[in-house]
Amino acid sequence: MSAIGEWVDAEPGLRRRILTAEGGLMLMEVAFEAGAAGYEHRHPHEQVSYCLRGRFEYTLDGRVNILSAGDSIYVPGNTLHGAKALDAGVLLDVFTPVRDDLLSRG
C-alpha cells in the first residue's frame, strides 16, 4: 500500500505512485525499467492505461497490444491484463472506483 504521491516498489523493475484518489476516480503513475513486466492480474475496477513514454506489450484478455507514447487502452473490470516494457517507460493508469487495495491514506 502507498500514500498519495509516494513512490513504492511494486514488482522487480516497477515503481508506482498514486497521484490522486478522489470521488470515484484514482490516477496512478507506473514507471518501468526496460524488460520489466507487471504480472497479469484482474480486479473489479475499470481501468484506462495511457502510455506517457516508452513502448509496451500490453496483454488484455489473452491478446497482445503494442502501446507507444500517446496510446491508451481500456480494461473492463475483471479482465485479465498485464504489461511488459519493451523500452523503459511510464504508464498513467486511471481506475474507477478507487483501488482501496493499493491506497493507504496514512
N, C-alpha and C. Protein backbone atom coordinates (compact mmCIF):
# COMPACT_ATOMS: atom_id res chain seq x y z
N MET A 1 0.85 -1.18 0.00
CA MET A 1 0.00 0.00 0.00
C MET A 1 0.89 1.24 0.00
N SER A 2 0.34 2.31 -0.47
CA SER A 2 1.14 3.52 -0.54
C SER A 2 0.29 4.75 -0.25
N ALA A 3 0.96 5.77 0.23
CA ALA A 3 0.31 7.05 0.46
C ALA A 3 0.32 7.85 -0.84
N ILE A 4 -0.55 8.81 -0.96
CA ILE A 4 -0.63 9.66 -2.14
C ILE A 4 0.73 10.33 -2.38
N GLY A 5 1.22 10.23 -3.63
CA GLY A 5 2.46 10.88 -4.03
C GLY A 5 3.74 10.15 -3.68
N GLU A 6 3.66 9.06 -2.95
CA GLU A 6 4.84 8.32 -2.50
C GLU A 6 5.18 7.22 -3.50
N TRP A 7 6.42 7.23 -4.03
CA TRP A 7 6.87 6.15 -4.90
C TRP A 7 7.08 4.88 -4.09
N VAL A 8 6.60 3.76 -4.59
CA VAL A 8 6.81 2.47 -3.95
C VAL A 8 7.25 1.46 -5.00
N ASP A 9 8.09 0.52 -4.59
CA ASP A 9 8.47 -0.58 -5.48
C ASP A 9 7.30 -1.54 -5.54
N ALA A 10 6.88 -1.86 -6.76
CA ALA A 10 5.70 -2.72 -6.93
C ALA A 10 6.11 -4.15 -7.26
N GLU A 11 6.95 -4.30 -8.26
CA GLU A 11 7.47 -5.59 -8.72
C GLU A 11 8.87 -5.32 -9.22
N PRO A 12 9.66 -6.35 -9.51
CA PRO A 12 11.01 -6.09 -10.00
C PRO A 12 11.00 -5.17 -11.23
N GLY A 13 11.70 -4.04 -11.13
CA GLY A 13 11.80 -3.10 -12.24
C GLY A 13 10.61 -2.16 -12.39
N LEU A 14 9.68 -2.17 -11.44
CA LEU A 14 8.50 -1.31 -11.48
C LEU A 14 8.38 -0.50 -10.21
N ARG A 15 8.05 0.80 -10.39
CA ARG A 15 7.71 1.67 -9.26
C ARG A 15 6.39 2.34 -9.60
N ARG A 16 5.61 2.62 -8.59
CA ARG A 16 4.34 3.30 -8.83
C ARG A 16 4.10 4.34 -7.76
N ARG A 17 3.28 5.33 -8.14
CA ARG A 17 2.83 6.31 -7.14
C ARG A 17 1.42 6.74 -7.51
N ILE A 18 0.60 6.85 -6.49
CA ILE A 18 -0.76 7.31 -6.66
C ILE A 18 -0.73 8.83 -6.67
N LEU A 19 -1.25 9.41 -7.73
CA LEU A 19 -1.24 10.86 -7.87
C LEU A 19 -2.44 11.50 -7.20
N THR A 20 -3.59 10.85 -7.32
CA THR A 20 -4.80 11.34 -6.65
C THR A 20 -5.80 10.21 -6.54
N ALA A 21 -6.65 10.32 -5.56
CA ALA A 21 -7.75 9.36 -5.37
C ALA A 21 -8.89 10.15 -4.72
N GLU A 22 -9.79 10.62 -5.54
CA GLU A 22 -10.89 11.46 -5.08
C GLU A 22 -12.20 11.00 -5.72
N GLY A 23 -13.28 11.14 -4.97
CA GLY A 23 -14.57 10.71 -5.51
C GLY A 23 -14.48 9.25 -5.91
N GLY A 24 -14.83 8.96 -7.13
CA GLY A 24 -14.79 7.58 -7.61
C GLY A 24 -13.63 7.29 -8.54
N LEU A 25 -12.63 8.20 -8.62
CA LEU A 25 -11.52 8.02 -9.56
C LEU A 25 -10.17 8.00 -8.85
N MET A 26 -9.23 7.26 -9.44
CA MET A 26 -7.87 7.22 -8.93
C MET A 26 -6.92 7.30 -10.12
N LEU A 27 -5.85 8.09 -9.97
CA LEU A 27 -4.83 8.26 -11.01
C LEU A 27 -3.49 7.80 -10.45
N MET A 28 -2.81 6.91 -11.20
CA MET A 28 -1.56 6.33 -10.73
C MET A 28 -0.52 6.31 -11.86
N GLU A 29 0.71 6.66 -11.53
CA GLU A 29 1.83 6.63 -12.46
C GLU A 29 2.64 5.37 -12.17
N VAL A 30 3.00 4.63 -13.23
CA VAL A 30 3.79 3.41 -13.08
C VAL A 30 5.01 3.50 -13.99
N ALA A 31 6.21 3.48 -13.40
CA ALA A 31 7.47 3.58 -14.15
C ALA A 31 8.08 2.19 -14.28
N PHE A 32 8.46 1.82 -15.50
CA PHE A 32 9.02 0.51 -15.82
C PHE A 32 10.45 0.66 -16.32
N GLU A 33 11.35 -0.20 -15.85
CA GLU A 33 12.65 -0.34 -16.48
C GLU A 33 12.45 -1.19 -17.74
N ALA A 34 13.35 -1.05 -18.72
CA ALA A 34 13.25 -1.86 -19.93
C ALA A 34 13.22 -3.35 -19.57
N GLY A 35 12.27 -4.08 -20.14
CA GLY A 35 12.14 -5.51 -19.90
C GLY A 35 11.32 -5.88 -18.68
N ALA A 36 11.01 -4.93 -17.83
CA ALA A 36 10.22 -5.23 -16.62
C ALA A 36 8.78 -5.55 -17.02
N ALA A 37 8.17 -6.42 -16.24
CA ALA A 37 6.80 -6.84 -16.54
C ALA A 37 5.93 -6.77 -15.30
N GLY A 38 4.75 -6.23 -15.47
CA GLY A 38 3.73 -6.27 -14.43
C GLY A 38 2.97 -7.58 -14.58
N TYR A 39 2.86 -8.34 -13.52
CA TYR A 39 2.21 -9.65 -13.62
C TYR A 39 0.76 -9.49 -14.11
N GLU A 40 0.29 -10.52 -14.81
CA GLU A 40 -1.10 -10.49 -15.25
C GLU A 40 -2.00 -10.66 -14.04
N HIS A 41 -3.04 -9.87 -13.99
CA HIS A 41 -3.94 -9.86 -12.85
C HIS A 41 -5.30 -9.35 -13.30
N ARG A 42 -6.24 -9.41 -12.39
CA ARG A 42 -7.57 -8.86 -12.65
C ARG A 42 -8.08 -8.23 -11.37
N HIS A 43 -8.95 -7.27 -11.52
CA HIS A 43 -9.60 -6.60 -10.39
C HIS A 43 -10.96 -6.11 -10.87
N PRO A 44 -11.88 -5.85 -9.96
CA PRO A 44 -13.23 -5.45 -10.37
C PRO A 44 -13.32 -4.03 -10.94
N HIS A 45 -12.26 -3.25 -10.80
CA HIS A 45 -12.27 -1.85 -11.22
C HIS A 45 -12.11 -1.72 -12.73
N GLU A 46 -12.77 -0.73 -13.33
CA GLU A 46 -12.49 -0.36 -14.71
C GLU A 46 -11.18 0.42 -14.71
N GLN A 47 -10.45 0.34 -15.83
CA GLN A 47 -9.14 0.99 -15.90
C GLN A 47 -8.90 1.50 -17.31
N VAL A 48 -8.21 2.61 -17.41
CA VAL A 48 -7.63 3.08 -18.66
C VAL A 48 -6.14 3.26 -18.41
N SER A 49 -5.32 2.69 -19.29
CA SER A 49 -3.87 2.89 -19.22
C SER A 49 -3.46 3.76 -20.40
N TYR A 50 -2.70 4.82 -20.11
CA TYR A 50 -2.21 5.76 -21.12
C TYR A 50 -0.69 5.72 -21.10
N CYS A 51 -0.08 5.52 -22.26
CA CYS A 51 1.38 5.45 -22.35
C CYS A 51 1.96 6.85 -22.47
N LEU A 52 2.67 7.28 -21.43
CA LEU A 52 3.33 8.58 -21.45
C LEU A 52 4.63 8.53 -22.26
N ARG A 53 5.39 7.45 -22.09
CA ARG A 53 6.63 7.28 -22.85
C ARG A 53 7.02 5.80 -22.84
N GLY A 54 7.83 5.43 -23.84
CA GLY A 54 8.27 4.04 -23.97
C GLY A 54 7.35 3.26 -24.88
N ARG A 55 7.58 1.93 -24.90
CA ARG A 55 6.73 1.01 -25.66
C ARG A 55 6.45 -0.20 -24.78
N PHE A 56 5.24 -0.72 -24.89
CA PHE A 56 4.79 -1.81 -24.03
C PHE A 56 4.07 -2.88 -24.83
N GLU A 57 4.27 -4.13 -24.42
CA GLU A 57 3.37 -5.22 -24.81
C GLU A 57 2.32 -5.26 -23.72
N TYR A 58 1.10 -4.92 -24.06
CA TYR A 58 0.02 -4.86 -23.08
C TYR A 58 -0.94 -6.00 -23.40
N THR A 59 -0.97 -6.99 -22.52
CA THR A 59 -1.83 -8.15 -22.74
C THR A 59 -3.18 -7.91 -22.09
N LEU A 60 -4.22 -8.07 -22.88
CA LEU A 60 -5.59 -7.83 -22.41
C LEU A 60 -6.44 -9.01 -22.84
N ASP A 61 -6.87 -9.81 -21.85
CA ASP A 61 -7.73 -10.96 -22.11
C ASP A 61 -7.11 -11.89 -23.16
N GLY A 62 -5.78 -12.11 -23.04
CA GLY A 62 -5.09 -13.04 -23.92
C GLY A 62 -4.58 -12.45 -25.23
N ARG A 63 -4.95 -11.22 -25.53
CA ARG A 63 -4.49 -10.56 -26.77
C ARG A 63 -3.37 -9.58 -26.45
N VAL A 64 -2.34 -9.58 -27.28
CA VAL A 64 -1.21 -8.68 -27.08
C VAL A 64 -1.41 -7.42 -27.92
N ASN A 65 -1.32 -6.28 -27.26
CA ASN A 65 -1.42 -4.97 -27.91
C ASN A 65 -0.10 -4.25 -27.69
N ILE A 66 0.37 -3.52 -28.69
CA ILE A 66 1.57 -2.71 -28.54
C ILE A 66 1.14 -1.27 -28.27
N LEU A 67 1.60 -0.72 -27.15
CA LEU A 67 1.31 0.66 -26.80
C LEU A 67 2.59 1.48 -26.91
N SER A 68 2.50 2.63 -27.55
CA SER A 68 3.59 3.59 -27.63
C SER A 68 3.10 4.91 -27.06
N ALA A 69 4.01 5.85 -26.87
CA ALA A 69 3.65 7.16 -26.31
C ALA A 69 2.42 7.72 -27.04
N GLY A 70 1.42 8.11 -26.25
CA GLY A 70 0.19 8.67 -26.78
C GLY A 70 -0.93 7.67 -26.97
N ASP A 71 -0.64 6.37 -26.84
CA ASP A 71 -1.67 5.33 -26.97
C ASP A 71 -2.32 5.05 -25.63
N SER A 72 -3.57 4.61 -25.68
CA SER A 72 -4.26 4.21 -24.45
C SER A 72 -5.04 2.94 -24.72
N ILE A 73 -5.43 2.28 -23.62
CA ILE A 73 -6.21 1.05 -23.72
C ILE A 73 -7.19 1.00 -22.56
N TYR A 74 -8.40 0.54 -22.85
CA TYR A 74 -9.45 0.40 -21.83
C TYR A 74 -9.46 -1.04 -21.32
N VAL A 75 -9.52 -1.19 -20.01
CA VAL A 75 -9.55 -2.50 -19.37
C VAL A 75 -10.87 -2.62 -18.60
N PRO A 76 -11.81 -3.42 -19.10
CA PRO A 76 -13.06 -3.62 -18.34
C PRO A 76 -12.77 -4.32 -17.01
N GLY A 77 -13.63 -4.12 -16.03
CA GLY A 77 -13.48 -4.79 -14.75
C GLY A 77 -13.41 -6.29 -14.91
N ASN A 78 -12.62 -6.94 -14.06
CA ASN A 78 -12.45 -8.40 -14.01
C ASN A 78 -11.84 -9.00 -15.27
N THR A 79 -11.11 -8.20 -16.06
CA THR A 79 -10.45 -8.70 -17.26
C THR A 79 -8.97 -8.90 -16.97
N LEU A 80 -8.44 -10.08 -17.32
CA LEU A 80 -7.04 -10.40 -17.11
C LEU A 80 -6.18 -9.48 -17.98
N HIS A 81 -5.18 -8.83 -17.37
CA HIS A 81 -4.32 -7.89 -18.10
C HIS A 81 -2.96 -7.77 -17.42
N GLY A 82 -1.98 -7.30 -18.19
CA GLY A 82 -0.63 -7.06 -17.69
C GLY A 82 0.19 -6.36 -18.76
N ALA A 83 1.33 -5.81 -18.38
CA ALA A 83 2.16 -5.05 -19.31
C ALA A 83 3.62 -5.43 -19.15
N LYS A 84 4.34 -5.46 -20.28
CA LYS A 84 5.79 -5.67 -20.29
C LYS A 84 6.41 -4.51 -21.05
N ALA A 85 7.43 -3.88 -20.47
CA ALA A 85 8.09 -2.74 -21.10
C ALA A 85 9.09 -3.23 -22.13
N LEU A 86 8.89 -2.84 -23.39
CA LEU A 86 9.85 -3.13 -24.44
C LEU A 86 11.03 -2.16 -24.36
N ASP A 87 10.75 -0.96 -23.87
CA ASP A 87 11.74 0.07 -23.58
C ASP A 87 11.40 0.59 -22.18
N ALA A 88 12.32 1.29 -21.55
CA ALA A 88 11.96 1.96 -20.30
C ALA A 88 10.80 2.90 -20.61
N GLY A 89 9.82 2.96 -19.72
CA GLY A 89 8.67 3.80 -20.00
C GLY A 89 7.79 4.03 -18.79
N VAL A 90 6.72 4.79 -19.04
CA VAL A 90 5.79 5.15 -17.97
C VAL A 90 4.36 5.02 -18.48
N LEU A 91 3.53 4.38 -17.67
CA LEU A 91 2.09 4.31 -17.92
C LEU A 91 1.37 5.15 -16.88
N LEU A 92 0.31 5.78 -17.30
CA LEU A 92 -0.57 6.51 -16.41
C LEU A 92 -1.87 5.71 -16.37
N ASP A 93 -2.24 5.22 -15.19
CA ASP A 93 -3.44 4.39 -15.03
C ASP A 93 -4.52 5.16 -14.30
N VAL A 94 -5.74 5.06 -14.82
CA VAL A 94 -6.92 5.64 -14.19
C VAL A 94 -7.84 4.49 -13.82
N PHE A 95 -8.36 4.51 -12.59
CA PHE A 95 -9.25 3.47 -12.10
C PHE A 95 -10.56 4.08 -11.61
N THR A 96 -11.62 3.33 -11.78
CA THR A 96 -12.88 3.64 -11.12
C THR A 96 -13.53 2.32 -10.72
N PRO A 97 -14.00 2.19 -9.51
CA PRO A 97 -13.81 3.12 -8.40
C PRO A 97 -12.36 3.11 -7.92
N VAL A 98 -12.08 3.86 -6.88
CA VAL A 98 -10.75 3.96 -6.28
C VAL A 98 -10.27 2.56 -5.86
N ARG A 99 -8.99 2.27 -6.09
CA ARG A 99 -8.38 0.99 -5.69
C ARG A 99 -7.94 1.07 -4.24
N ASP A 100 -8.85 0.82 -3.33
CA ASP A 100 -8.52 0.86 -1.89
C ASP A 100 -7.43 -0.16 -1.55
N ASP A 101 -7.32 -1.25 -2.34
CA ASP A 101 -6.29 -2.26 -2.07
C ASP A 101 -4.88 -1.72 -2.28
N LEU A 102 -4.72 -0.61 -3.01
CA LEU A 102 -3.41 -0.01 -3.25
C LEU A 102 -3.18 1.25 -2.43
N LEU A 103 -4.19 1.69 -1.73
CA LEU A 103 -4.16 3.00 -1.11
C LEU A 103 -4.08 2.93 0.41
N SER A 104 -3.20 3.75 0.96
CA SER A 104 -3.14 3.95 2.40
C SER A 104 -3.14 5.44 2.64
N ARG A 105 -4.12 5.95 3.30
CA ARG A 105 -4.22 7.40 3.50
C ARG A 105 -3.46 7.83 4.74
N GLY A 106 -2.56 6.99 5.18
CA GLY A 106 -1.76 7.35 6.11
C GLY A 106 -1.24 7.54 7.31
